[in-house]
Amino acid sequence: MVLFTRKRTLPGLIPIVFFGKELERTNKVKYLGVVLESKLTWSEHLDQKCKKAIALFWQCRRIVGSTWDTSPKICHWIYIAIIRPMITHAAVIWLPRVELGVARSMLSRVQRLACLSMTGAIRTSPTAALEVITGLLPLNIHIKQVAMTTSYRIKRVQNLGSHSHILEKMHKEVPFTGMRGDHMKTCFLFDKEFKIAIPARESWNKDQKALLPENSRTVYTVYTLGRELVFI
């Protein structure tokens, strides 16, 4: 059991008993790949994501042999298709953590490792220059972009008012996002406005049937007559 609060003390808090057992309190829990802390600082979540990203990147690099190396194109693909999406997972929730300097430094170290592998540059190369060469946005800016895109899509598709602080900031920086969209709601029509008419075989002309070769096959076609579908 996790109690989400930023208060240091909780006077009068009574332990919760479930089926005769007292639930044990914890400071964090993982749900759908997101580490939820009791104070919702998102520090544990981002720390785990960055460590896992670095480990996964080196695992991908180990798939090559000792006498050849991955090309810059493959390194770029590994980063943008595997590593970066893993970090930006659920960014719309933990976006406030990115505003802190310690978080930006942690994200910069992850992207710097990928840039060095793509370019083969020396260790003293500045990260900003490597990002320009590889065409990558700083990771903290990319996370903001993903969070804003997700929030905008949720608002337009489901008309939900969640993450209003992201929408307000997005409308301020990109005013046209506050305009009405052209999204159309799905509408299901189960009432049939047409009829199907299939002529009985007895009504066929016997003379025409006699003209058909023996063991021949009859092929049916359909045409529309107003709101009726007629098979012949």
C-alpha atoms as a PDB file:
ATOM      1  CA  MET A   1       0.000   0.000   0.000  1.00  0.00           C
ATOM      2  CA  VAL A   2       1.305   3.445  -0.974  1.00  0.00           C
ATOM      3  CA  LEU A   3      -0.091   6.659   0.448  1.00  0.00           C
ATOM      4  CA  PHE A   4       0.509   9.581  -1.917  1.00  0.00           C
ATOM      5  CA  THR A   5       1.106  12.744   0.086  1.00  0.00           C
ATOM      6  CA  ARG A   6       3.799  15.395   0.514  1.00  0.00           C
ATOM      7  CA  LYS A   7       3.172  15.869   4.211  1.00  0.00           C
ATOM      8  CA  ARG A   8       5.928  14.744   6.536  1.00  0.00           C
ATOM      9  CA  THR A   9       3.616  13.655   9.335  1.00  0.00           C
ATOM     10  CA  LEU A  10       0.123  12.218   9.174  1.00  0.00           C
ATOM     11  CA  PRO A  11      -1.517  12.556  12.574  1.00  0.00           C
ATOM     12  CA  GLY A  12      -4.428  10.254  13.201  1.00  0.00           C
ATOM     13  CA  LEU A  13      -3.565   7.839  10.405  1.00  0.00           C
ATOM     14  CA  ILE A  14      -5.103   4.439  11.144  1.00  0.00           C
ATOM     15  CA  PRO A  15      -3.600   1.290   9.542  1.00  0.00           C
ATOM     16  CA  ILE A  16      -5.810  -0.280   6.894  1.00  0.00           C
ATOM     17  CA  VAL A  17      -6.925  -3.862   7.562  1.00  0.00           C
ATOM     18  CA  PHE A  18      -7.886  -6.012   4.569  1.00  0.00           C
ATOM     19  CA  PHE A  19      -9.416  -9.464   5.195  1.00  0.00           C
ATOM     20  CA  GLY A  20      -7.999  -9.494   8.699  1.00  0.00           C
ATOM     21  CA  LYS A  21      -4.463  -8.518   7.647  1.00  0.00           C
ATOM     22  CA  GLU A  22      -2.882  -5.135   8.114  1.00  0.00           C
ATOM     23  CA  LEU A  23      -1.580  -3.725   4.843  1.00  0.00           C
ATOM     24  CA  GLU A  24       2.088  -2.848   4.891  1.00  0.00           C
ATOM     25  CA  ARG A  25       2.981   0.634   3.724  1.00  0.00           C
ATOM     26  CA  THR A  26       5.698   1.162   1.122  1.00  0.00           C
ATOM     27  CA  ASN A  27       7.266   4.280  -0.311  1.00  0.00           C
ATOM     28  CA  LYS A  28       6.993   3.297  -3.975  1.00  0.00           C
ATOM     29  CA  VAL A  29       5.178   0.964  -6.322  1.00  0.00           C
ATOM     30  CA  LYS A  30       5.596   0.157 -10.019  1.00  0.00           C
ATOM     31  CA  TYR A  31       2.506   0.270 -12.220  1.00  0.00           C
ATOM     32  CA  LEU A  32       2.503  -0.087 -16.021  1.00  0.00           C
ATOM     33  CA  GLY A  33       6.217   0.623 -16.186  1.00  0.00           C
ATOM     34  CA  VAL A  34       6.026   3.804 -14.072  1.00  0.00           C
ATOM     35  CA  VAL A  35       7.543   3.992 -10.584  1.00  0.00           C
ATOM     36  CA  LEU A  36       5.101   5.860  -8.340  1.00  0.00           C
ATOM     37  CA  GLU A  37       6.645   7.334  -5.209  1.00  0.00           C
ATOM     38  CA  SER A  38       4.714   8.427  -2.153  1.00  0.00           C
ATOM     39  CA  LYS A  39       5.699  12.089  -2.705  1.00  0.00           C
ATOM     40  CA  LEU A  40       5.472  11.907  -6.511  1.00  0.00           C
ATOM     41  CA  THR A  41       8.926  13.365  -7.128  1.00  0.00           C
ATOM     42  CA  TRP A  42       9.562  10.922 -10.017  1.00  0.00           C
ATOM     43  CA  SER A  43      13.244  10.770  -9.090  1.00  0.00           C
ATOM     44  CA  GLU A  44      13.263   6.994  -8.661  1.00  0.00           C
ATOM     45  CA  HIS A  45      11.453   6.481 -11.965  1.00  0.00           C
ATOM     46  CA  LEU A  46      13.847   8.633 -13.996  1.00  0.00           C
ATOM     47  CA  ASP A  47      16.897   7.157 -12.268  1.00  0.00           C
ATOM     48  CA  GLN A  48      15.803   3.615 -13.101  1.00  0.00           C
ATOM     49  CA  LYS A  49      14.981   4.543 -16.696  1.00  0.00           C
ATOM     50  CA  CYS A  50      18.383   6.128 -17.302  1.00  0.00           C
ATOM     51  CA  LYS A  51      20.285   3.210 -15.768  1.00  0.00           C
ATOM     52  CA  LYS A  52      18.246   0.723 -17.788  1.00  0.00           C
ATOM     53  CA  ALA A  53      18.767   2.743 -20.975  1.00  0.00           C
ATOM     54  CA  ILE A  54      22.540   2.736 -20.576  1.00  0.00           C
ATOM     55  CA  ALA A  55      22.616  -0.988 -19.832  1.00  0.00           C
ATOM     56  CA  LEU A  56      20.341  -1.778 -22.770  1.00  0.00           C
ATOM     57  CA  PHE A  57      22.441   0.343 -25.112  1.00  0.00           C
ATOM     58  CA  TRP A  58      25.591  -1.569 -24.243  1.00  0.00           C
ATOM     59  CA  GLN A  59      23.746  -4.866 -24.643  1.00  0.00           C
ATOM     60  CA  CYS A  60      22.773  -3.824 -28.168  1.00  0.00           C
ATOM     61  CA  ARG A  61      26.393  -2.896 -28.879  1.00  0.00           C
ATOM     62  CA  ARG A  62      27.595  -6.337 -27.771  1.00  0.00           C
ATOM     63  CA  ILE A  63      25.730  -8.081 -30.591  1.00  0.00           C
ATOM     64  CA  VAL A  64      28.628  -7.269 -32.939  1.00  0.00           C
ATOM     65  CA  GLY A  65      31.834  -9.244 -33.083  1.00  0.00           C
ATOM     66  CA  SER A  66      35.306  -8.297 -31.898  1.00  0.00           C
ATOM     67  CA  THR A  67      36.603  -7.598 -35.412  1.00  0.00           C
ATOM     68  CA  TRP A  68      33.820  -5.291 -36.647  1.00  0.00           C
ATOM     69  CA  ASP A  69      31.658  -2.559 -35.177  1.00  0.00           C
ATOM     70  CA  THR A  70      28.154  -1.192 -35.621  1.00  0.00           C
ATOM     71  CA  SER A  71      27.733   1.485 -38.253  1.00  0.00           C
ATOM     72  CA  PRO A  72      26.622   5.024 -37.287  1.00  0.00           C
ATOM     73  CA  LYS A  73      23.298   4.329 -38.988  1.00  0.00           C
ATOM     74  CA  ILE A  74      22.651   1.250 -36.830  1.00  0.00           C
ATOM     75  CA  CYS A  75      23.654   3.098 -33.652  1.00  0.00           C
ATOM     76  CA  HIS A  76      21.292   5.919 -34.559  1.00  0.00           C
ATOM     77  CA  TRP A  77      18.457   3.452 -35.164  1.00  0.00           C
ATOM     78  CA  ILE A  78      19.080   1.633 -31.869  1.00  0.00           C
ATOM     79  CA  TYR A  79      18.874   4.905 -29.988  1.00  0.00           C
ATOM     80  CA  ILE A  80      15.807   6.493 -31.608  1.00  0.00           C
ATOM     81  CA  ALA A  81      13.830   3.240 -32.009  1.00  0.00           C
ATOM     82  CA  ILE A  82      14.664   1.391 -28.771  1.00  0.00           C
ATOM     83  CA  ILE A  83      16.428   3.524 -26.168  1.00  0.00           C
ATOM     84  CA  ARG A  84      14.691   6.883 -26.482  1.00  0.00           C
ATOM     85  CA  PRO A  85      11.084   5.535 -26.599  1.00  0.00           C
ATOM     86  CA  MET A  86      11.823   3.527 -23.451  1.00  0.00           C
ATOM     87  CA  ILE A  87      12.880   6.705 -21.641  1.00  0.00           C
ATOM     88  CA  THR A  88       9.935   8.801 -22.865  1.00  0.00           C
ATOM     89  CA  HIS A  89       7.365   6.198 -21.809  1.00  0.00           C
ATOM     90  CA  ALA A  90       4.547   7.966 -19.897  1.00  0.00           C
ATOM     91  CA  ALA A  91       6.394  11.295 -20.165  1.00  0.00           C
ATOM     92  CA  VAL A  92       3.083  13.125 -19.925  1.00  0.00           C
ATOM     93  CA  ILE A  93       2.915  12.055 -16.260  1.00  0.00           C
ATOM     94  CA  TRP A  94       6.445  12.702 -14.984  1.00  0.00           C
ATOM     95  CA  LEU A  95       7.211  15.766 -17.140  1.00  0.00           C
ATOM     96  CA  PRO A  96       7.684  18.131 -14.127  1.00  0.00           C
ATOM     97  CA  ARG A  97      10.825  16.173 -13.168  1.00  0.00           C
ATOM     98  CA  VAL A  98      12.531  17.280 -16.400  1.00  0.00           C
ATOM     99  CA  GLU A  99      12.496  20.902 -15.239  1.00  0.00           C
ATOM    100  CA  LEU A 100      15.136  20.136 -12.593  1.00  0.00           C
ATOM    101  CA  GLY A 101      18.813  20.549 -13.392  1.00  0.00           C
ATOM    102  CA  VAL A 102      19.804  17.170 -11.947  1.00  0.00           C
ATOM    103  CA  ALA A 103      17.322  15.447 -14.254  1.00  0.00           C
ATOM    104  CA  ARG A 104      18.566  17.330 -17.318  1.00  0.00           C
ATOM    105  CA  SER A 105      22.153  16.343 -16.498  1.00  0.00           C
ATOM    106  CA  MET A 106      21.161  12.698 -16.152  1.00  0.00           C
ATOM    107  CA  LEU A 107      19.328  12.726 -19.490  1.00  0.00           C
ATOM    108  CA  SER A 108      22.236  14.515 -21.150  1.00  0.00           C
ATOM    109  CA  ARG A 109      24.649  11.749 -20.086  1.00  0.00           C
ATOM    110  CA  VAL A 110      22.441   9.127 -21.707  1.00  0.00           C
ATOM    111  CA  GLN A 111      22.200  10.984 -25.002  1.00  0.00           C
ATOM    112  CA  ARG A 112      25.908  11.837 -24.960  1.00  0.00           C
ATOM    113  CA  LEU A 113      26.750   8.130 -24.816  1.00  0.00           C
ATOM    114  CA  ALA A 114      24.585   7.506 -27.884  1.00  0.00           C
ATOM    115  CA  CYS A 115      26.077  10.474 -29.772  1.00  0.00           C
ATOM    116  CA  LEU A 116      29.638   9.284 -29.115  1.00  0.00           C
ATOM    117  CA  SER A 117      28.751   5.832 -30.444  1.00  0.00           C
ATOM    118  CA  MET A 118      27.158   7.310 -33.577  1.00  0.00           C
ATOM    119  CA  THR A 119      29.964   9.704 -34.452  1.00  0.00           C
ATOM    120  CA  GLY A 120      33.052   8.012 -33.028  1.00  0.00           C
ATOM    121  CA  ALA A 121      34.158  11.409 -31.695  1.00  0.00           C
ATOM    122  CA  ILE A 122      36.700  11.833 -28.909  1.00  0.00           C
ATOM    123  CA  ARG A 123      35.520  11.915 -25.317  1.00  0.00           C
ATOM    124  CA  THR A 124      36.142  15.639 -24.909  1.00  0.00           C
ATOM    125  CA  SER A 125      33.695  16.611 -27.686  1.00  0.00           C
ATOM    126  CA  PRO A 126      30.906  18.891 -26.414  1.00  0.00           C
ATOM    127  CA  THR A 127      27.479  17.313 -26.218  1.00  0.00           C
ATOM    128  CA  ALA A 128      25.756  20.227 -27.983  1.00  0.00           C
ATOM    129  CA  ALA A 129      28.029  19.845 -31.020  1.00  0.00           C
ATOM    130  CA  LEU A 130      27.404  16.089 -31.170  1.00  0.00           C
ATOM    131  CA  GLU A 131      23.636  16.675 -31.056  1.00  0.00           C
ATOM    132  CA  VAL A 132      23.907  19.086 -33.987  1.00  0.00           C
ATOM    133  CA  ILE A 133      25.929  16.574 -36.011  1.00  0.00           C
ATOM    134  CA  THR A 134      23.502  13.722 -35.346  1.00  0.00           C
ATOM    135  CA  GLY A 135      20.394  15.883 -35.739  1.00  0.00           C
ATOM    136  CA  LEU A 136      19.052  15.074 -32.271  1.00  0.00           C
ATOM    137  CA  LEU A 137      17.169  17.443 -30.017  1.00  0.00           C
ATOM    138  CA  PRO A 138      18.349  17.638 -26.404  1.00  0.00           C
ATOM    139  CA  LEU A 139      16.632  14.797 -24.606  1.00  0.00           C
ATOM    140  CA  ASN A 140      14.809  17.035 -22.133  1.00  0.00           C
ATOM    141  CA  ILE A 141      13.307  19.042 -25.011  1.00  0.00           C
ATOM    142  CA  HIS A 142      12.315  15.840 -26.817  1.00  0.00           C
ATOM    143  CA  ILE A 143      10.557  14.605 -23.669  1.00  0.00           C
ATOM    144  CA  LYS A 144       8.570  17.857 -23.515  1.00  0.00           C
ATOM    145  CA  GLN A 145       7.620  17.405 -27.157  1.00  0.00           C
ATOM    146  CA  VAL A 146       6.379  13.863 -26.543  1.00  0.00           C
ATOM    147  CA  ALA A 147       4.411  14.933 -23.453  1.00  0.00           C
ATOM    148  CA  MET A 148       2.735  17.820 -25.273  1.00  0.00           C
ATOM    149  CA  THR A 149       1.876  15.641 -28.260  1.00  0.00           C
ATOM    150  CA  THR A 150       0.346  12.998 -26.003  1.00  0.00           C
ATOM    151  CA  SER A 151      -1.644  15.559 -24.041  1.00  0.00           C
ATOM    152  CA  TYR A 152      -2.927  17.164 -27.226  1.00  0.00           C
ATOM    153  CA  ARG A 153      -3.963  13.803 -28.673  1.00  0.00           C
ATOM    154  CA  ILE A 154      -5.825  12.814 -25.503  1.00  0.00           C
ATOM    155  CA  LYS A 155      -7.617  16.147 -25.463  1.00  0.00           C
ATOM    156  CA  ARG A 156      -8.698  15.921 -29.108  1.00  0.00           C
ATOM    157  CA  VAL A 157      -9.656  12.241 -29.245  1.00  0.00           C
ATOM    158  CA  GLN A 158     -11.254  11.689 -25.834  1.00  0.00           C
ATOM    159  CA  ASN A 159     -11.989  15.310 -24.872  1.00  0.00           C
ATOM    160  CA  LEU A 160     -10.410  14.844 -21.463  1.00  0.00           C
ATOM    161  CA  GLY A 161      -9.332  17.742 -19.288  1.00  0.00           C
ATOM    162  CA  SER A 162      -6.340  16.018 -17.696  1.00  0.00           C
ATOM    163  CA  HIS A 163      -2.816  17.470 -17.730  1.00  0.00           C
ATOM    164  CA  SER A 164      -4.240  20.981 -18.055  1.00  0.00           C
ATOM    165  CA  HIS A 165      -0.903  22.553 -17.059  1.00  0.00           C
ATOM    166  CA  ILE A 166       0.725  21.006 -20.137  1.00  0.00           C
ATOM    167  CA  LEU A 167      -2.085  22.198 -22.384  1.00  0.00           C
ATOM    168  CA  GLU A 168      -1.940  25.723 -20.979  1.00  0.00           C
ATOM    169  CA  LYS A 169       1.791  25.933 -21.577  1.00  0.00           C
ATOM    170  CA  MET A 170       1.413  24.470 -25.059  1.00  0.00           C
ATOM    171  CA  HIS A 171      -1.345  26.943 -25.996  1.00  0.00           C
ATOM    172  CA  LYS A 172       0.872  29.785 -24.785  1.00  0.00           C
ATOM    173  CA  GLU A 173       3.950  28.678 -26.739  1.00  0.00           C
ATOM    174  CA  VAL A 174       2.097  27.305 -29.787  1.00  0.00           C
ATOM    175  CA  PRO A 175      -1.177  29.297 -30.033  1.00  0.00           C
ATOM    176  CA  PHE A 176      -2.691  27.393 -32.964  1.00  0.00           C
ATOM    177  CA  THR A 177      -2.947  24.242 -30.822  1.00  0.00           C
ATOM    178  CA  GLY A 178      -5.849  25.918 -29.014  1.00  0.00           C
ATOM    179  CA  MET A 179      -7.922  25.986 -32.195  1.00  0.00           C
ATOM    180  CA  ARG A 180     -10.701  23.499 -32.802  1.00  0.00           C
ATOM    181  CA  GLY A 181      -9.652  20.377 -34.624  1.00  0.00           C
ATOM    182  CA  ASP A 182     -11.355  18.460 -37.408  1.00  0.00           C
ATOM    183  CA  HIS A 183     -11.629  15.199 -35.489  1.00  0.00           C
ATOM    184  CA  MET A 184     -14.857  13.341 -36.265  1.00  0.00           C
ATOM    185  CA  LYS A 185     -16.452  10.990 -33.780  1.00  0.00           C
ATOM    186  CA  THR A 186     -17.078   7.426 -34.872  1.00  0.00           C
ATOM    187  CA  CYS A 187     -20.755   6.793 -35.596  1.00  0.00           C
ATOM    188  CA  PHE A 188     -22.203   3.300 -36.040  1.00  0.00           C
ATOM    189  CA  LEU A 189     -25.401   2.873 -38.092  1.00  0.00           C
ATOM    190  CA  PHE A 190     -27.032  -0.495 -37.673  1.00  0.00           C
ATOM    191  CA  ASP A 191     -30.305   0.333 -39.466  1.00  0.00           C
ATOM    192  CA  LYS A 192     -30.266  -0.970 -43.044  1.00  0.00           C
ATOM    193  CA  GLU A 193     -31.723   1.500 -45.513  1.00  0.00           C
ATOM    194  CA  PHE A 194     -31.781  -0.989 -48.389  1.00  0.00           C
ATOM    195  CA  LYS A 195     -33.414  -4.265 -49.329  1.00  0.00           C
ATOM    196  CA  ILE A 196     -31.962  -7.357 -50.937  1.00  0.00           C
ATOM    197  CA  ALA A 197     -34.028  -9.069 -53.661  1.00  0.00           C
ATOM    198  CA  ILE A 198     -32.916 -12.477 -54.981  1.00  0.00           C
ATOM    199  CA  PRO A 199     -35.137 -13.852 -57.784  1.00  0.00           C
ATOM    200  CA  ALA A 200     -36.285 -17.442 -57.311  1.00  0.00           C
ATOM    201  CA  ARG A 201     -34.739 -20.042 -59.564  1.00  0.00           C
ATOM    202  CA  GLU A 202     -38.190 -21.141 -60.752  1.00  0.00           C
ATOM    203  CA  SER A 203     -38.651 -17.766 -62.413  1.00  0.00           C
ATOM    204  CA  TRP A 204     -35.722 -18.315 -64.724  1.00  0.00           C
ATOM    205  CA  ASN A 205     -36.539 -18.815 -68.364  1.00  0.00           C
ATOM    206  CA  LYS A 206     -36.378 -22.521 -69.193  1.00  0.00           C
ATOM    207  CA  ASP A 207     -35.285 -21.737 -72.746  1.00  0.00           C
ATOM    208  CA  GLN A 208     -32.295 -19.767 -71.414  1.00  0.00           C
ATOM    209  CA  LYS A 209     -31.400 -22.607 -69.077  1.00  0.00           C
ATOM    210  CA  ALA A 210     -31.503 -25.022 -71.977  1.00  0.00           C
ATOM    211  CA  LEU A 211     -28.910 -22.954 -73.812  1.00  0.00           C
ATOM    212  CA  LEU A 212     -26.367 -23.430 -71.036  1.00  0.00           C
ATOM    213  CA  PRO A 213     -23.758 -26.112 -71.695  1.00  0.00           C
ATOM    214  CA  GLU A 214     -23.807 -29.240 -69.568  1.00  0.00           C
ATOM    215  CA  ASN A 215     -21.816 -29.077 -66.299  1.00  0.00           C
ATOM    216  CA  SER A 216     -21.514 -25.294 -66.643  1.00  0.00           C
ATOM    217  CA  ARG A 217     -21.348 -22.896 -63.705  1.00  0.00           C
ATOM    218  CA  THR A 218     -23.636 -19.966 -63.069  1.00  0.00           C
ATOM    219  CA  VAL A 219     -22.047 -16.710 -61.950  1.00  0.00           C
ATOM    220  CA  TYR A 220     -24.167 -14.184 -60.068  1.00  0.00           C
ATOM    221  CA  THR A 221     -23.801 -10.441 -60.227  1.00  0.00           C
ATOM    222  CA  VAL A 222     -25.463  -7.614 -58.356  1.00  0.00           C
ATOM    223  CA  TYR A 223     -26.695  -4.175 -59.267  1.00  0.00           C
ATOM    224  CA  THR A 224     -28.458  -1.429 -57.380  1.00  0.00           C
ATOM    225  CA  LEU A 225     -31.998  -0.349 -58.148  1.00  0.00           C
ATOM    226  CA  GLY A 226     -32.704   2.669 -55.997  1.00  0.00           C
ATOM    227  CA  ARG A 227     -32.259   1.358 -52.460  1.00  0.00           C
ATOM    228  CA  GLU A 228     -32.548  -2.292 -53.502  1.00  0.00           C
ATOM    229  CA  LEU A 229     -29.748  -4.712 -54.245  1.00  0.00           C
ATOM    230  CA  VAL A 230     -30.765  -7.150 -56.969  1.00  0.00           C
ATOM    231  CA  PHE A 231     -28.870 -10.405 -57.577  1.00  0.00           C
ATOM    232  CA  ILE A 232     -29.071 -11.963 -61.070  1.00  0.00           C
END
